[in-house]
């Protein structure tokens, strides 16, 4: 493979990320939440291991959202009319995003609650 082809593939993938964020309101919410978490990570100076967990959780949620969006779009092309089986497929894909988002929130709580607790204790003393 040539360098140009690799560069074009990268550009297409980057375009997919931009399209996901522009087209999906949930992806916009996830982006906002990710920015808040990243800022909190810098504010609290979280450890490298905590950064790994936080970054992995962010990536997992965006990946799940991307797959969910791709599945929904394929389903809409295959069958634009309502179909119970297609609806089930979309619900399963959306449920997978929800599982990832819940686990990301749990990771966020595990990482940040001790820092917030310490900050609160410092403020009341």
PDB file of N, CA and C in Angstrom:
ATOM      1  N   UNK A   1       0.828  -1.189   0.000  1.00  0.00           N
ATOM      2  CA  UNK A   1       0.000   0.000   0.000  1.00  0.00           C
ATOM      3  C   UNK A   1       0.873   1.255   0.000  1.00  0.00           C
ATOM      4  N   UNK A   2       0.439   2.217  -0.754  1.00  0.00           N
ATOM      5  CA  UNK A   2       1.196   3.459  -0.827  1.00  0.00           C
ATOM      6  C   UNK A   2       0.843   4.381   0.333  1.00  0.00           C
ATOM      7  N   UNK A   3       1.732   5.322   0.571  1.00  0.00           N
ATOM      8  CA  UNK A   3       1.511   6.296   1.636  1.00  0.00           C
ATOM      9  C   UNK A   3       0.259   7.114   1.357  1.00  0.00           C
ATOM     10  N   UNK A   4       0.023   7.446   0.084  1.00  0.00           N
ATOM     11  CA  UNK A   4      -1.182   8.224  -0.270  1.00  0.00           C
ATOM     12  C   UNK A   4      -2.463   7.478   0.064  1.00  0.00           C
ATOM     13  N   UNK A   5      -2.492   6.189  -0.233  1.00  0.00           N
ATOM     14  CA  UNK A   5      -3.683   5.399   0.078  1.00  0.00           C
ATOM     15  C   UNK A   5      -3.906   5.333   1.584  1.00  0.00           C
ATOM     16  N   UNK A   6      -2.819   5.179   2.329  1.00  0.00           N
ATOM     17  CA  UNK A   6      -2.929   5.153   3.783  1.00  0.00           C
ATOM     18  C   UNK A   6      -3.445   6.488   4.315  1.00  0.00           C
ATOM     19  N   UNK A   7      -2.940   7.570   3.744  1.00  0.00           N
ATOM     20  CA  UNK A   7      -3.368   8.906   4.153  1.00  0.00           C
ATOM     21  C   UNK A   7      -4.849   9.123   3.835  1.00  0.00           C
ATOM     22  N   UNK A   8      -5.295   8.654   2.665  1.00  0.00           N
ATOM     23  CA  UNK A   8      -6.717   8.760   2.306  1.00  0.00           C
ATOM     24  C   UNK A   8      -7.585   7.937   3.250  1.00  0.00           C
ATOM     25  N   UNK A   9      -7.116   6.748   3.618  1.00  0.00           N
ATOM     26  CA  UNK A   9      -7.870   5.911   4.557  1.00  0.00           C
ATOM     27  C   UNK A   9      -8.005   6.610   5.901  1.00  0.00           C
ATOM     28  N   UNK A  10      -6.922   7.229   6.355  1.00  0.00           N
ATOM     29  CA  UNK A  10      -6.957   7.980   7.609  1.00  0.00           C
ATOM     30  C   UNK A  10      -7.928   9.143   7.505  1.00  0.00           C
ATOM     31  N   UNK A  11      -7.907   9.838   6.375  1.00  0.00           N
ATOM     32  CA  UNK A  11      -8.815  10.977   6.173  1.00  0.00           C
ATOM     33  C   UNK A  11     -10.272  10.514   6.194  1.00  0.00           C
ATOM     34  N   UNK A  12     -10.555   9.381   5.574  1.00  0.00           N
ATOM     35  CA  UNK A  12     -11.922   8.840   5.585  1.00  0.00           C
ATOM     36  C   UNK A  12     -12.357   8.474   7.005  1.00  0.00           C
ATOM     37  N   UNK A  13     -11.467   7.862   7.756  1.00  0.00           N
ATOM     38  CA  UNK A  13     -11.789   7.495   9.135  1.00  0.00           C
ATOM     39  C   UNK A  13     -12.031   8.743   9.976  1.00  0.00           C
ATOM     40  N   UNK A  14     -11.192   9.749   9.809  1.00  0.00           N
ATOM     41  CA  UNK A  14     -11.377  10.999  10.542  1.00  0.00           C
ATOM     42  C   UNK A  14     -12.705  11.642  10.159  1.00  0.00           C
ATOM     43  N   UNK A  15     -13.044  11.603   8.870  1.00  0.00           N
ATOM     44  CA  UNK A  15     -14.332  12.122   8.407  1.00  0.00           C
ATOM     45  C   UNK A  15     -15.490  11.368   9.073  1.00  0.00           C
ATOM     46  N   UNK A  16     -15.321  10.080   9.280  1.00  0.00           N
ATOM     47  CA  UNK A  16     -16.349   9.295   9.966  1.00  0.00           C
ATOM     48  C   UNK A  16     -16.563   9.769  11.393  1.00  0.00           C
ATOM     49  N   UNK A  17     -15.481  10.112  12.075  1.00  0.00           N
ATOM     50  CA  UNK A  17     -15.590  10.622  13.444  1.00  0.00           C
ATOM     51  C   UNK A  17     -16.321  11.963  13.447  1.00  0.00           C
ATOM     52  N   UNK A  18     -15.937  12.843  12.522  1.00  0.00           N
ATOM     53  CA  UNK A  18     -16.583  14.160  12.428  1.00  0.00           C
ATOM     54  C   UNK A  18     -18.066  13.996  12.107  1.00  0.00           C
ATOM     55  N   UNK A  19     -18.381  13.114  11.170  1.00  0.00           N
ATOM     56  CA  UNK A  19     -19.780  12.867  10.790  1.00  0.00           C
ATOM     57  C   UNK A  19     -20.572  12.341  11.981  1.00  0.00           C
ATOM     58  N   UNK A  20     -19.987  11.428  12.731  1.00  0.00           N
ATOM     59  CA  UNK A  20     -20.657  10.882  13.915  1.00  0.00           C
ATOM     60  C   UNK A  20     -21.005  11.994  14.893  1.00  0.00           C
ATOM     61  N   UNK A  21     -20.039  12.852  15.188  1.00  0.00           N
ATOM     62  CA  UNK A  21     -20.261  13.910  16.175  1.00  0.00           C
ATOM     63  C   UNK A  21     -21.251  14.952  15.662  1.00  0.00           C
ATOM     64  N   UNK A  22     -21.183  15.269  14.377  1.00  0.00           N
ATOM     65  CA  UNK A  22     -22.101  16.257  13.813  1.00  0.00           C
ATOM     66  C   UNK A  22     -23.522  15.726  13.707  1.00  0.00           C
ATOM     67  N   UNK A  23     -23.669  14.449  13.392  1.00  0.00           N
ATOM     68  CA  UNK A  23     -24.989  13.903  13.066  1.00  0.00           C
ATOM     69  C   UNK A  23     -25.746  13.348  14.266  1.00  0.00           C
ATOM     70  N   UNK A  24     -25.034  12.953  15.300  1.00  0.00           N
ATOM     71  CA  UNK A  24     -25.685  12.259  16.412  1.00  0.00           C
ATOM     72  C   UNK A  24     -25.687  13.109  17.676  1.00  0.00           C
ATOM     73  N   UNK A  25     -26.881  13.395  18.183  1.00  0.00           N
ATOM     74  CA  UNK A  25     -26.966  14.216  19.401  1.00  0.00           C
ATOM     75  C   UNK A  25     -26.335  13.513  20.587  1.00  0.00           C
ATOM     76  N   UNK A  26     -26.448  12.194  20.653  1.00  0.00           N
ATOM     77  CA  UNK A  26     -25.828  11.465  21.759  1.00  0.00           C
ATOM     78  C   UNK A  26     -24.309  11.552  21.693  1.00  0.00           C
ATOM     79  N   UNK A  27     -23.756  11.539  20.491  1.00  0.00           N
ATOM     80  CA  UNK A  27     -22.301  11.671  20.340  1.00  0.00           C
ATOM     81  C   UNK A  27     -21.854  13.056  20.812  1.00  0.00           C
ATOM     82  N   UNK A  28     -22.670  14.071  20.557  1.00  0.00           N
ATOM     83  CA  UNK A  28     -22.353  15.417  21.046  1.00  0.00           C
ATOM     84  C   UNK A  28     -22.354  15.438  22.571  1.00  0.00           C
ATOM     85  N   UNK A  29     -23.329  14.777  23.179  1.00  0.00           N
ATOM     86  CA  UNK A  29     -23.366  14.691  24.638  1.00  0.00           C
ATOM     87  C   UNK A  29     -22.137  13.953  25.155  1.00  0.00           C
ATOM     88  N   UNK A  30     -21.783  12.836  24.511  1.00  0.00           N
ATOM     89  CA  UNK A  30     -20.604  12.070  24.930  1.00  0.00           C
ATOM     90  C   UNK A  30     -19.339  12.921  24.798  1.00  0.00           C
ATOM     91  N   UNK A  31     -19.257  13.727  23.746  1.00  0.00           N
ATOM     92  CA  UNK A  31     -18.099  14.604  23.563  1.00  0.00           C
ATOM     93  C   UNK A  31     -18.026  15.629  24.692  1.00  0.00           C
ATOM     94  N   UNK A  32     -19.162  16.221  25.033  1.00  0.00           N
ATOM     95  CA  UNK A  32     -19.203  17.190  26.135  1.00  0.00           C
ATOM     96  C   UNK A  32     -18.774  16.522  27.440  1.00  0.00           C
ATOM     97  N   UNK A  33     -19.314  15.339  27.707  1.00  0.00           N
ATOM     98  CA  UNK A  33     -18.968  14.615  28.936  1.00  0.00           C
ATOM     99  C   UNK A  33     -17.488  14.263  28.947  1.00  0.00           C
ATOM    100  N   UNK A  34     -16.961  13.827  27.806  1.00  0.00           N
ATOM    101  CA  UNK A  34     -15.541  13.474  27.723  1.00  0.00           C
ATOM    102  C   UNK A  34     -14.663  14.691  28.010  1.00  0.00           C
ATOM    103  N   UNK A  35     -15.035  15.838  27.467  1.00  0.00           N
ATOM    104  CA  UNK A  35     -14.271  17.072  27.725  1.00  0.00           C
ATOM    105  C   UNK A  35     -14.297  17.426  29.206  1.00  0.00           C
ATOM    106  N   UNK A  36     -15.450  17.296  29.836  1.00  0.00           N
ATOM    107  CA  UNK A  36     -15.565  17.580  31.273  1.00  0.00           C
ATOM    108  C   UNK A  36     -14.687  16.630  32.085  1.00  0.00           C
ATOM    109  N   UNK A  37     -14.701  15.365  31.722  1.00  0.00           N
ATOM    110  CA  UNK A  37     -13.902  14.364  32.442  1.00  0.00           C
ATOM    111  C   UNK A  37     -12.409  14.632  32.251  1.00  0.00           C
ATOM    112  N   UNK A  38     -12.021  14.982  31.042  1.00  0.00           N
ATOM    113  CA  UNK A  38     -10.610  15.287  30.780  1.00  0.00           C
ATOM    114  C   UNK A  38     -10.167  16.510  31.582  1.00  0.00           C
ATOM    115  N   UNK A  39     -10.996  17.535  31.605  1.00  0.00           N
ATOM    116  CA  UNK A  39     -10.676  18.722  32.416  1.00  0.00           C
ATOM    117  C   UNK A  39     -10.572  18.358  33.896  1.00  0.00           C
ATOM    118  N   UNK A  40     -11.483  17.541  34.377  1.00  0.00           N
ATOM    119  CA  UNK A  40     -11.436  17.100  35.770  1.00  0.00           C
ATOM    120  C   UNK A  40     -10.163  16.297  36.039  1.00  0.00           C
ATOM    121  N   UNK A  41      -9.762  15.493  35.064  1.00  0.00           N
ATOM    122  CA  UNK A  41      -8.528  14.722  35.219  1.00  0.00           C
ATOM    123  C   UNK A  41      -7.314  15.619  35.395  1.00  0.00           C
ATOM    124  N   UNK A  42      -7.256  16.697  34.606  1.00  0.00           N
ATOM    125  CA  UNK A  42      -6.155  17.646  34.770  1.00  0.00           C
ATOM    126  C   UNK A  42      -6.269  18.411  36.084  1.00  0.00           C
ATOM    127  N   UNK A  43      -7.477  18.798  36.442  1.00  0.00           N
ATOM    128  CA  UNK A  43      -7.696  19.549  37.683  1.00  0.00           C
ATOM    129  C   UNK A  43      -7.233  18.751  38.894  1.00  0.00           C
ATOM    130  N   UNK A  44      -7.593  17.465  38.930  1.00  0.00           N
ATOM    131  CA  UNK A  44      -7.255  16.624  40.071  1.00  0.00           C
ATOM    132  C   UNK A  44      -5.900  15.926  39.939  1.00  0.00           C
ATOM    133  N   UNK A  45      -5.236  16.106  38.814  1.00  0.00           N
ATOM    134  CA  UNK A  45      -3.932  15.450  38.564  1.00  0.00           C
ATOM    135  C   UNK A  45      -4.019  13.945  38.816  1.00  0.00           C
ATOM    136  N   UNK A  46      -4.949  13.303  38.112  1.00  0.00           N
ATOM    137  CA  UNK A  46      -5.138  11.864  38.296  1.00  0.00           C
ATOM    138  C   UNK A  46      -3.890  11.104  37.836  1.00  0.00           C
ATOM    139  N   UNK A  47      -3.741   9.896  38.346  1.00  0.00           N
ATOM    140  CA  UNK A  47      -2.560   9.081  38.055  1.00  0.00           C
ATOM    141  C   UNK A  47      -2.600   8.534  36.620  1.00  0.00           C
ATOM    142  N   UNK A  48      -1.468   8.001  36.187  1.00  0.00           N
ATOM    143  CA  UNK A  48      -1.390   7.405  34.844  1.00  0.00           C
ATOM    144  C   UNK A  48      -2.388   6.259  34.708  1.00  0.00           C
ATOM    145  N   UNK A  49      -2.490   5.422  35.733  1.00  0.00           N
ATOM    146  CA  UNK A  49      -3.434   4.299  35.682  1.00  0.00           C
ATOM    147  C   UNK A  49      -4.875   4.804  35.578  1.00  0.00           C
ATOM    148  N   UNK A  50      -5.165   5.890  36.285  1.00  0.00           N
ATOM    149  CA  UNK A  50      -6.509   6.459  36.205  1.00  0.00           C
ATOM    150  C   UNK A  50      -6.758   7.060  34.824  1.00  0.00           C
ATOM    151  N   UNK A  51      -5.748   7.708  34.242  1.00  0.00           N
ATOM    152  CA  UNK A  51      -5.881   8.222  32.881  1.00  0.00           C
ATOM    153  C   UNK A  51      -6.160   7.087  31.892  1.00  0.00           C
ATOM    154  N   UNK A  52      -5.488   5.966  32.080  1.00  0.00           N
ATOM    155  CA  UNK A  52      -5.712   4.812  31.196  1.00  0.00           C
ATOM    156  C   UNK A  52      -7.168   4.368  31.280  1.00  0.00           C
ATOM    157  N   UNK A  53      -7.684   4.253  32.493  1.00  0.00           N
ATOM    158  CA  UNK A  53      -9.077   3.829  32.670  1.00  0.00           C
ATOM    159  C   UNK A  53     -10.039   4.834  32.054  1.00  0.00           C
ATOM    160  N   UNK A  54      -9.797   6.127  32.305  1.00  0.00           N
ATOM    161  CA  UNK A  54     -10.686   7.177  31.790  1.00  0.00           C
ATOM    162  C   UNK A  54     -10.643   7.210  30.261  1.00  0.00           C
ATOM    163  N   UNK A  55      -9.434   7.171  29.684  1.00  0.00           N
ATOM    164  CA  UNK A  55      -9.313   7.207  28.219  1.00  0.00           C
ATOM    165  C   UNK A  55      -9.940   5.977  27.576  1.00  0.00           C
ATOM    166  N   UNK A  56      -9.747   4.817  28.197  1.00  0.00           N
ATOM    167  CA  UNK A  56     -10.350   3.600  27.675  1.00  0.00           C
ATOM    168  C   UNK A  56     -11.873   3.699  27.705  1.00  0.00           C
ATOM    169  N   UNK A  57     -12.419   4.220  28.795  1.00  0.00           N
ATOM    170  CA  UNK A  57     -13.876   4.354  28.907  1.00  0.00           C
ATOM    171  C   UNK A  57     -14.418   5.319  27.859  1.00  0.00           C
ATOM    172  N   UNK A  58     -13.731   6.441  27.659  1.00  0.00           N
ATOM    173  CA  UNK A  58     -14.162   7.408  26.637  1.00  0.00           C
ATOM    174  C   UNK A  58     -14.141   6.763  25.254  1.00  0.00           C
ATOM    175  N   UNK A  59     -13.048   6.084  24.936  1.00  0.00           N
ATOM    176  CA  UNK A  59     -12.927   5.439  23.624  1.00  0.00           C
ATOM    177  C   UNK A  59     -13.997   4.369  23.439  1.00  0.00           C
ATOM    178  N   UNK A  60     -14.270   3.613  24.486  1.00  0.00           N
ATOM    179  CA  UNK A  60     -15.272   2.550  24.399  1.00  0.00           C
ATOM    180  C   UNK A  60     -16.658   3.118  24.103  1.00  0.00           C
ATOM    181  N   UNK A  61     -17.022   4.213  24.762  1.00  0.00           N
ATOM    182  CA  UNK A  61     -18.336   4.811  24.537  1.00  0.00           C
ATOM    183  C   UNK A  61     -18.448   5.342  23.106  1.00  0.00           C
ATOM    184  N   UNK A  62     -17.415   6.048  22.635  1.00  0.00           N
ATOM    185  CA  UNK A  62     -17.465   6.567  21.260  1.00  0.00           C
ATOM    186  C   UNK A  62     -17.477   5.442  20.231  1.00  0.00           C
ATOM    187  N   UNK A  63     -16.735   4.387  20.489  1.00  0.00           N
ATOM    188  CA  UNK A  63     -16.736   3.239  19.573  1.00  0.00           C
ATOM    189  C   UNK A  63     -18.117   2.599  19.521  1.00  0.00           C
ATOM    190  N   UNK A  64     -18.713   2.398  20.678  1.00  0.00           N
ATOM    191  CA  UNK A  64     -20.064   1.819  20.714  1.00  0.00           C
ATOM    192  C   UNK A  64     -21.062   2.727  20.013  1.00  0.00           C
ATOM    193  N   UNK A  65     -20.954   4.035  20.228  1.00  0.00           N
ATOM    194  CA  UNK A  65     -21.856   4.984  19.569  1.00  0.00           C
ATOM    195  C   UNK A  65     -21.672   4.932  18.049  1.00  0.00           C
ATOM    196  N   UNK A  66     -20.431   4.797  17.609  1.00  0.00           N
ATOM    197  CA  UNK A  66     -20.165   4.692  16.174  1.00  0.00           C
ATOM    198  C   UNK A  66     -20.778   3.436  15.565  1.00  0.00           C
ATOM    199  N   UNK A  67     -20.590   2.303  16.236  1.00  0.00           N
ATOM    200  CA  UNK A  67     -21.197   1.062  15.737  1.00  0.00           C
ATOM    201  C   UNK A  67     -22.718   1.159  15.749  1.00  0.00           C
ATOM    202  N   UNK A  68     -23.265   1.735  16.805  1.00  0.00           N
ATOM    203  CA  UNK A  68     -24.719   1.894  16.897  1.00  0.00           C
ATOM    204  C   UNK A  68     -25.246   2.732  15.735  1.00  0.00           C
ATOM    205  N   UNK A  69     -24.580   3.833  15.462  1.00  0.00           N
ATOM    206  CA  UNK A  69     -25.007   4.714  14.372  1.00  0.00           C
ATOM    207  C   UNK A  69     -24.902   3.998  13.026  1.00  0.00           C
ATOM    208  N   UNK A  70     -23.817   3.272  12.819  1.00  0.00           N
ATOM    209  CA  UNK A  70     -23.641   2.536  11.558  1.00  0.00           C
ATOM    210  C   UNK A  70     -24.739   1.480  11.396  1.00  0.00           C
ATOM    211  N   UNK A  71     -25.036   0.765  12.470  1.00  0.00           N
ATOM    212  CA  UNK A  71     -26.091  -0.260  12.416  1.00  0.00           C
ATOM    213  C   UNK A  71     -27.439   0.374  12.114  1.00  0.00           C
ATOM    214  N   UNK A  72     -27.746   1.489  12.789  1.00  0.00           N
ATOM    215  CA  UNK A  72     -29.026   2.167  12.533  1.00  0.00           C
ATOM    216  C   UNK A  72     -29.138   2.615  11.081  1.00  0.00           C
ATOM    217  N   UNK A  73     -28.066   3.182  10.543  1.00  0.00           N
ATOM    218  CA  UNK A  73     -28.107   3.657   9.153  1.00  0.00           C
ATOM    219  C   UNK A  73     -28.250   2.517   8.159  1.00  0.00           C
ATOM    220  N   UNK A  74     -27.555   1.423   8.417  1.00  0.00           N
ATOM    221  CA  UNK A  74     -27.704   0.256   7.531  1.00  0.00           C
ATOM    222  C   UNK A  74     -29.135  -0.267   7.590  1.00  0.00           C
ATOM    223  N   UNK A  75     -29.688  -0.366   8.796  1.00  0.00           N
ATOM    224  CA  UNK A  75     -31.070  -0.845   8.949  1.00  0.00           C
ATOM    225  C   UNK A  75     -32.051   0.055   8.211  1.00  0.00           C
ATOM    226  N   UNK A  76     -31.829   1.369   8.279  1.00  0.00           N
ATOM    227  CA  UNK A  76     -32.727   2.302   7.598  1.00  0.00           C
ATOM    228  C   UNK A  76     -32.630   2.177   6.081  1.00  0.00           C
ATOM    229  N   UNK A  77     -31.473   1.820   5.572  1.00  0.00           N
ATOM    230  CA  UNK A  77     -31.320   1.609   4.119  1.00  0.00           C
ATOM    231  C   UNK A  77     -31.972   0.293   3.710  1.00  0.00           C
ATOM    232  N   UNK A  78     -31.720  -0.757   4.491  1.00  0.00           N
ATOM    233  CA  UNK A  78     -32.250  -2.081   4.169  1.00  0.00           C
ATOM    234  C   UNK A  78     -33.764  -2.094   4.218  1.00  0.00           C
ATOM    235  N   UNK A  79     -34.323  -1.434   5.247  1.00  0.00           N
ATOM    236  CA  UNK A  79     -35.771  -1.438   5.393  1.00  0.00           C
ATOM    237  C   UNK A  79     -36.222  -0.108   6.002  1.00  0.00           C
ATOM    238  N   UNK A  80     -36.582   0.872   5.149  1.00  0.00           N
ATOM    239  CA  UNK A  80     -36.984   2.179   5.667  1.00  0.00           C
ATOM    240  C   UNK A  80     -38.326   2.166   6.409  1.00  0.00           C
ATOM    241  N   UNK A  81     -39.133   1.168   6.178  1.00  0.00           N
ATOM    242  CA  UNK A  81     -40.417   1.047   6.868  1.00  0.00           C
ATOM    243  C   UNK A  81     -40.198   0.391   8.233  1.00  0.00           C
ATOM    244  N   UNK A  82     -41.156   0.617   9.144  1.00  0.00           N
ATOM    245  CA  UNK A  82     -41.032   0.002  10.468  1.00  0.00           C
ATOM    246  C   UNK A  82     -41.103  -1.508  10.346  1.00  0.00           C
ATOM    247  N   UNK A  83     -40.207  -2.160  11.047  1.00  0.00           N
ATOM    248  CA  UNK A  83     -40.169  -3.620  11.109  1.00  0.00           C
ATOM    249  C   UNK A  83     -39.745  -3.997  12.522  1.00  0.00           C
ATOM    250  N   UNK A  84     -40.494  -4.866  13.173  1.00  0.00           N
ATOM    251  CA  UNK A  84     -40.195  -5.258  14.559  1.00  0.00           C
ATOM    252  C   UNK A  84     -38.793  -5.831  14.691  1.00  0.00           C
ATOM    253  N   UNK A  85     -38.384  -6.660  13.746  1.00  0.00           N
ATOM    254  CA  UNK A  85     -37.052  -7.265  13.825  1.00  0.00           C
ATOM    255  C   UNK A  85     -35.955  -6.206  13.692  1.00  0.00           C
ATOM    256  N   UNK A  86     -36.156  -5.256  12.778  1.00  0.00           N
ATOM    257  CA  UNK A  86     -35.195  -4.161  12.625  1.00  0.00           C
ATOM    258  C   UNK A  86     -35.190  -3.312  13.898  1.00  0.00           C
ATOM    259  N   UNK A  87     -36.373  -3.076  14.461  1.00  0.00           N
ATOM    260  CA  UNK A  87     -36.465  -2.326  15.710  1.00  0.00           C
ATOM    261  C   UNK A  87     -35.706  -3.009  16.838  1.00  0.00           C
ATOM    262  N   UNK A  88     -35.809  -4.336  16.903  1.00  0.00           N
ATOM    263  CA  UNK A  88     -35.067  -5.090  17.920  1.00  0.00           C
ATOM    264  C   UNK A  88     -33.561  -4.938  17.725  1.00  0.00           C
ATOM    265  N   UNK A  89     -33.120  -4.998  16.467  1.00  0.00           N
ATOM    266  CA  UNK A  89     -31.691  -4.838  16.164  1.00  0.00           C
ATOM    267  C   UNK A  89     -31.204  -3.468  16.621  1.00  0.00           C
ATOM    268  N   UNK A  90     -31.970  -2.431  16.312  1.00  0.00           N
ATOM    269  CA  UNK A  90     -31.602  -1.073  16.731  1.00  0.00           C
ATOM    270  C   UNK A  90     -31.597  -0.944  18.252  1.00  0.00           C
ATOM    271  N   UNK A  91     -32.572  -1.561  18.914  1.00  0.00           N
ATOM    272  CA  UNK A  91     -32.642  -1.502  20.378  1.00  0.00           C
ATOM    273  C   UNK A  91     -31.442  -2.210  21.011  1.00  0.00           C
ATOM    274  N   UNK A  92     -31.048  -3.336  20.451  1.00  0.00           N
ATOM    275  CA  UNK A  92     -29.883  -4.065  20.963  1.00  0.00           C
ATOM    276  C   UNK A  92     -28.622  -3.219  20.818  1.00  0.00           C
ATOM    277  N   UNK A  93     -28.458  -2.592  19.650  1.00  0.00           N
ATOM    278  CA  UNK A  93     -27.286  -1.742  19.429  1.00  0.00           C
ATOM    279  C   UNK A  93     -27.287  -0.556  20.394  1.00  0.00           C
ATOM    280  N   UNK A  94     -28.441   0.069  20.574  1.00  0.00           N
ATOM    281  CA  UNK A  94     -28.536   1.196  21.507  1.00  0.00           C
ATOM    282  C   UNK A  94     -28.291   0.736  22.942  1.00  0.00           C
ATOM    283  N   UNK A  95     -28.775  -0.442  23.280  1.00  0.00           N
ATOM    284  CA  UNK A  95     -28.540  -0.995  24.612  1.00  0.00           C
ATOM    285  C   UNK A  95     -27.063  -1.229  24.880  1.00  0.00           C
ATOM    286  N   UNK A  96     -26.331  -1.606  23.843  1.00  0.00           N
ATOM    287  CA  UNK A  96     -24.884  -1.797  23.984  1.00  0.00           C
ATOM    288  C   UNK A  96     -24.184  -0.484  24.309  1.00  0.00           C
ATOM    289  N   UNK A  97     -24.638   0.597  23.680  1.00  0.00           N
ATOM    290  CA  UNK A  97     -24.081   1.916  24.000  1.00  0.00           C
ATOM    291  C   UNK A  97     -24.394   2.263  25.453  1.00  0.00           C
ATOM    292  N   UNK A  98     -25.611   1.985  25.877  1.00  0.00           N
ATOM    293  CA  UNK A  98     -26.008   2.278  27.253  1.00  0.00           C
ATOM    294  C   UNK A  98     -25.139   1.512  28.251  1.00  0.00           C
ATOM    295  N   UNK A  99     -24.863   0.253  27.978  1.00  0.00           N
ATOM    296  CA  UNK A  99     -23.992  -0.537  28.849  1.00  0.00           C
ATOM    297  C   UNK A  99     -22.617   0.120  28.953  1.00  0.00           C
ATOM    298  N   UNK A 100     -22.060   0.522  27.814  1.00  0.00           N
ATOM    299  CA  UNK A 100     -20.746   1.176  27.815  1.00  0.00           C
ATOM    300  C   UNK A 100     -20.781   2.495  28.568  1.00  0.00           C
ATOM    301  N   UNK A 101     -21.843   3.266  28.375  1.00  0.00           N
ATOM    302  CA  UNK A 101     -21.957   4.561  29.056  1.00  0.00           C
ATOM    303  C   UNK A 101     -22.098   4.375  30.565  1.00  0.00           C
ATOM    304  N   UNK A 102     -22.857   3.389  30.991  1.00  0.00           N
ATOM    305  CA  UNK A 102     -23.001   3.121  32.425  1.00  0.00           C
ATOM    306  C   UNK A 102     -21.659   2.715  33.017  1.00  0.00           C
ATOM    307  N   UNK A 103     -20.935   1.848  32.324  1.00  0.00           N
ATOM    308  CA  UNK A 103     -19.629   1.426  32.836  1.00  0.00           C
ATOM    309  C   UNK A 103     -18.642   2.587  32.843  1.00  0.00           C
ATOM    310  N   UNK A 104     -18.719   3.466  31.850  1.00  0.00           N
ATOM    311  CA  UNK A 104     -17.857   4.655  31.843  1.00  0.00           C
ATOM    312  C   UNK A 104     -18.176   5.538  33.043  1.00  0.00           C
ATOM    313  N   UNK A 105     -19.448   5.666  33.373  1.00  0.00           N
ATOM    314  CA  UNK A 105     -19.845   6.456  34.544  1.00  0.00           C
ATOM    315  C   UNK A 105     -19.325   5.807  35.825  1.00  0.00           C
ATOM    316  N   UNK A 106     -19.398   4.492  35.910  1.00  0.00           N
ATOM    317  CA  UNK A 106     -18.873   3.785  37.085  1.00  0.00           C
ATOM    318  C   UNK A 106     -17.369   4.024  37.212  1.00  0.00           C
ATOM    319  N   UNK A 107     -16.652   3.910  36.091  1.00  0.00           N
ATOM    320  CA  UNK A 107     -15.210   4.183  36.106  1.00  0.00           C
ATOM    321  C   UNK A 107     -14.958   5.614  36.556  1.00  0.00           C
ATOM    322  N   UNK A 108     -15.735   6.559  36.025  1.00  0.00           N
ATOM    323  CA  UNK A 108     -15.593   7.954  36.429  1.00  0.00           C
ATOM    324  C   UNK A 108     -15.810   8.140  37.924  1.00  0.00           C
ATOM    325  N   UNK A 109     -16.816   7.491  38.458  1.00  0.00           N
ATOM    326  CA  UNK A 109     -17.069   7.584  39.901  1.00  0.00           C
ATOM    327  C   UNK A 109     -15.921   6.981  40.704  1.00  0.00           C
ATOM    328  N   UNK A 110     -15.451   5.828  40.281  1.00  0.00           N
ATOM    329  CA  UNK A 110     -14.344   5.184  40.998  1.00  0.00           C
ATOM    330  C   UNK A 110     -13.088   6.045  40.979  1.00  0.00           C
ATOM    331  N   UNK A 111     -12.853   6.732  39.883  1.00  0.00           N
ATOM    332  CA  UNK A 111     -11.664   7.565  39.767  1.00  0.00           C
ATOM    333  C   UNK A 111     -11.834   8.884  40.527  1.00  0.00           C
ATOM    334  N   UNK A 112     -12.965   9.561  40.342  1.00  0.00           N
ATOM    335  CA  UNK A 112     -13.080  10.941  40.804  1.00  0.00           C
ATOM    336  C   UNK A 112     -13.682  11.128  42.194  1.00  0.00           C
ATOM    337  N   UNK A 113     -14.485  10.215  42.682  1.00  0.00           N
ATOM    338  CA  UNK A 113     -15.095  10.393  44.003  1.00  0.00           C
ATOM    339  C   UNK A 113     -14.041  10.573  45.101  1.00  0.00           C
ATOM    340  N   UNK A 114     -12.960   9.780  45.128  1.00  0.00           N
ATOM    341  CA  UNK A 114     -11.955  10.026  46.179  1.00  0.00           C
ATOM    342  C   UNK A 114     -11.340  11.432  46.113  1.00  0.00           C
ATOM    343  N   UNK A 115     -11.117  11.949  44.906  1.00  0.00           N
ATOM    344  CA  UNK A 115     -10.563  13.298  44.763  1.00  0.00           C
ATOM    345  C   UNK A 115     -11.564  14.357  45.232  1.00  0.00           C
ATOM    346  N   UNK A 116     -12.815  14.181  44.846  1.00  0.00           N
ATOM    347  CA  UNK A 116     -13.847  15.130  45.265  1.00  0.00           C
ATOM    348  C   UNK A 116     -14.019  15.074  46.782  1.00  0.00           C
ATOM    349  N   UNK A 117     -13.975  13.884  47.338  1.00  0.00           N
ATOM    350  CA  UNK A 117     -14.096  13.712  48.794  1.00  0.00           C
ATOM    351  C   UNK A 117     -12.973  14.459  49.515  1.00  0.00           C
ATOM    352  N   UNK A 118     -11.741  14.293  49.034  1.00  0.00           N
ATOM    353  CA  UNK A 118     -10.600  15.002  49.632  1.00  0.00           C
ATOM    354  C   UNK A 118     -10.767  16.509  49.518  1.00  0.00           C
ATOM    355  N   UNK A 119     -11.240  16.960  48.379  1.00  0.00           N
ATOM    356  CA  UNK A 119     -11.447  18.404  48.168  1.00  0.00           C
ATOM    357  C   UNK A 119     -12.504  18.957  49.120  1.00  0.00           C
ATOM    358  N   UNK A 120     -13.588  18.211  49.288  1.00  0.00           N
ATOM    359  CA  UNK A 120     -14.652  18.637  50.203  1.00  0.00           C
ATOM    360  C   UNK A 120     -14.123  18.694  51.634  1.00  0.00           C
ATOM    361  N   UNK A 121     -13.355  17.697  52.025  1.00  0.00           N
ATOM    362  CA  UNK A 121     -12.788  17.689  53.380  1.00  0.00           C
ATOM    363  C   UNK A 121     -11.860  18.894  53.601  1.00  0.00           C
ATOM    364  N   UNK A 122     -11.082  19.233  52.598  1.00  0.00           N
ATOM    365  CA  UNK A 122     -10.189  20.390  52.700  1.00  0.00           C
ATOM    366  C   UNK A 122     -10.989  21.677  52.827  1.00  0.00           C
ATOM    367  N   UNK A 123     -12.075  21.766  52.138  1.00  0.00           N
ATOM    368  CA  UNK A 123     -12.891  22.990  52.153  1.00  0.00           C
ATOM    369  C   UNK A 123     -13.598  23.192  53.480  1.00  0.00           C
ATOM    370  N   UNK A 124     -13.992  22.111  54.142  1.00  0.00           N
ATOM    371  CA  UNK A 124     -14.740  22.271  55.397  1.00  0.00           C
ATOM    372  C   UNK A 124     -13.824  22.370  56.606  1.00  0.00           C
ATOM    373  N   UNK A 125     -12.538  22.154  56.438  1.00  0.00           N
ATOM    374  CA  UNK A 125     -11.609  22.254  57.573  1.00  0.00           C
ATOM    375  C   UNK A 125     -11.055  23.651  57.710  1.00  0.00           C
TER     376      UNK A 125
END
